[in-house]
Amino acid sequence: MTAEPDDGGRAISLEASPIRVRAFEGRDAEAVDSVALEAFEQYREVYDDWATLQRAVRNTSGLAREAELLVAEVDGRSPAPLLIARPFRGRGPIFSTRAGR
């Protein structure tokens, strides 16, 4: 698979990429939850109720029950969560009605 040319006029090959995107599997749960929590740590001081948010983020893998959850691996390591929100399908039940406003 080849993408559009980059700024230098070269095609970017996705086949040679060390990144692999695949469907979430149950065995990914611990790593996905850990990566998600680490990503949200930078916002610790922004949230008034960090403990509640932290509990929710620690269950990122649980979103796979209600949404399409993909993981991205780099060189076969550390699956990171990629939650898919499909356009024109409305908000899934996992999203607050106030989210994104």
Protein backbone atom coordinates (compact mmCIF):
# COMPACT_ATOMS: atom_id res chain seq x y z
CA MET A 1 0.00 0.00 0.00
CA THR A 2 1.37 3.42 -0.91
CA ALA A 3 0.12 6.77 0.30
CA GLU A 4 0.27 10.14 -1.40
CA PRO A 5 3.74 11.58 -2.03
CA ASP A 6 5.31 13.50 0.84
CA ASP A 7 6.67 17.05 0.45
CA GLY A 8 9.77 15.73 -1.31
CA GLY A 9 7.69 14.03 -4.00
CA ARG A 10 8.50 10.56 -2.61
CA ALA A 11 5.76 8.04 -1.99
CA ILE A 12 5.37 6.92 1.60
CA SER A 13 5.21 3.14 1.90
CA LEU A 14 2.96 1.94 4.67
CA GLU A 15 4.19 -1.62 4.21
CA ALA A 16 7.64 -0.70 5.50
CA SER A 17 6.26 1.06 8.57
CA PRO A 18 7.15 -0.34 12.00
CA ILE A 19 3.60 0.57 13.07
CA ARG A 20 0.92 -2.10 12.84
CA VAL A 21 -2.74 -1.29 13.49
CA ARG A 22 -4.99 -4.22 14.38
CA ALA A 23 -8.15 -5.10 16.25
CA PHE A 24 -8.00 -5.07 20.04
CA GLU A 25 -7.68 -8.48 21.67
CA GLY A 26 -8.34 -9.33 25.31
CA ARG A 27 -4.64 -9.96 25.90
CA ASP A 28 -4.01 -6.26 25.11
CA ALA A 29 -6.07 -4.98 28.05
CA GLU A 30 -3.28 -4.36 30.56
CA ALA A 31 -0.99 -2.63 28.07
CA VAL A 32 -3.82 -0.53 26.59
CA ASP A 33 -4.96 0.63 30.03
CA SER A 34 -1.39 1.45 31.03
CA VAL A 35 -0.65 3.46 27.88
CA ALA A 36 -3.95 5.35 28.17
CA LEU A 37 -3.27 6.26 31.80
CA GLU A 38 0.24 7.40 30.98
CA ALA A 39 -1.13 9.58 28.17
CA PHE A 40 -3.64 11.24 30.51
CA GLU A 41 -1.11 11.86 33.31
CA GLN A 42 -0.18 15.17 31.71
CA TYR A 43 -3.69 16.44 32.50
CA ARG A 44 -3.62 15.48 36.20
CA GLU A 45 -3.64 19.12 37.36
CA VAL A 46 -6.37 20.14 34.91
CA TYR A 47 -9.12 17.90 36.33
CA ASP A 48 -10.77 18.71 39.64
CA ASP A 49 -11.58 15.05 40.22
CA TRP A 50 -8.46 13.29 38.98
CA ALA A 51 -9.24 10.11 40.92
CA THR A 52 -12.51 9.60 39.03
CA LEU A 53 -10.92 10.25 35.65
CA GLN A 54 -8.01 7.99 36.54
CA ARG A 55 -10.40 5.11 37.32
CA ALA A 56 -12.17 5.60 33.99
CA VAL A 57 -8.94 5.77 31.99
CA ARG A 58 -7.64 2.65 33.73
CA ASN A 59 -10.54 0.87 32.06
CA THR A 60 -9.89 2.07 28.50
CA SER A 61 -9.82 -1.55 27.35
CA GLY A 62 -13.42 -1.87 28.54
CA LEU A 63 -14.48 0.47 25.73
CA ALA A 64 -14.05 -2.48 23.36
CA ARG A 65 -17.44 -3.74 24.58
CA GLU A 66 -19.20 -0.67 23.17
CA ALA A 67 -16.97 0.73 20.43
CA GLU A 68 -14.50 -0.37 17.82
CA LEU A 69 -11.15 -0.39 19.60
CA LEU A 70 -7.99 -0.80 17.60
CA VAL A 71 -4.44 -0.93 18.86
CA ALA A 72 -1.27 0.40 17.31
CA GLU A 73 1.94 -1.53 17.89
CA VAL A 74 5.41 -0.26 17.12
CA ASP A 75 7.75 -3.10 16.22
CA GLY A 76 5.34 -5.51 17.88
CA ARG A 77 5.49 -3.79 21.27
CA SER A 78 3.24 -1.75 23.56
CA PRO A 79 -0.20 -1.74 21.97
CA ALA A 80 -1.65 1.76 22.25
CA PRO A 81 -5.42 2.29 22.05
CA LEU A 82 -7.08 3.87 19.05
CA LEU A 83 -10.80 4.37 19.59
CA ILE A 84 -12.74 4.63 16.36
CA ALA A 85 -15.58 7.14 16.22
CA ARG A 86 -17.18 6.71 12.83
CA PRO A 87 -18.59 9.83 11.14
CA PHE A 88 -22.33 10.22 10.59
CA ARG A 89 -23.28 7.47 13.01
CA GLY A 90 -24.07 9.66 15.98
CA ARG A 91 -22.36 9.43 19.33
CA GLY A 92 -21.88 6.05 20.84
CA PRO A 93 -23.06 5.39 24.38
CA ILE A 94 -19.51 5.79 25.70
CA PHE A 95 -19.41 9.48 24.85
CA SER A 96 -20.98 12.06 27.11
CA THR A 97 -23.63 14.22 25.52
CA ARG A 98 -21.43 17.18 26.50
CA ALA A 99 -18.25 15.76 24.94
CA GLY A 100 -16.81 17.72 22.07
CA ARG A 101 -18.87 20.85 22.65
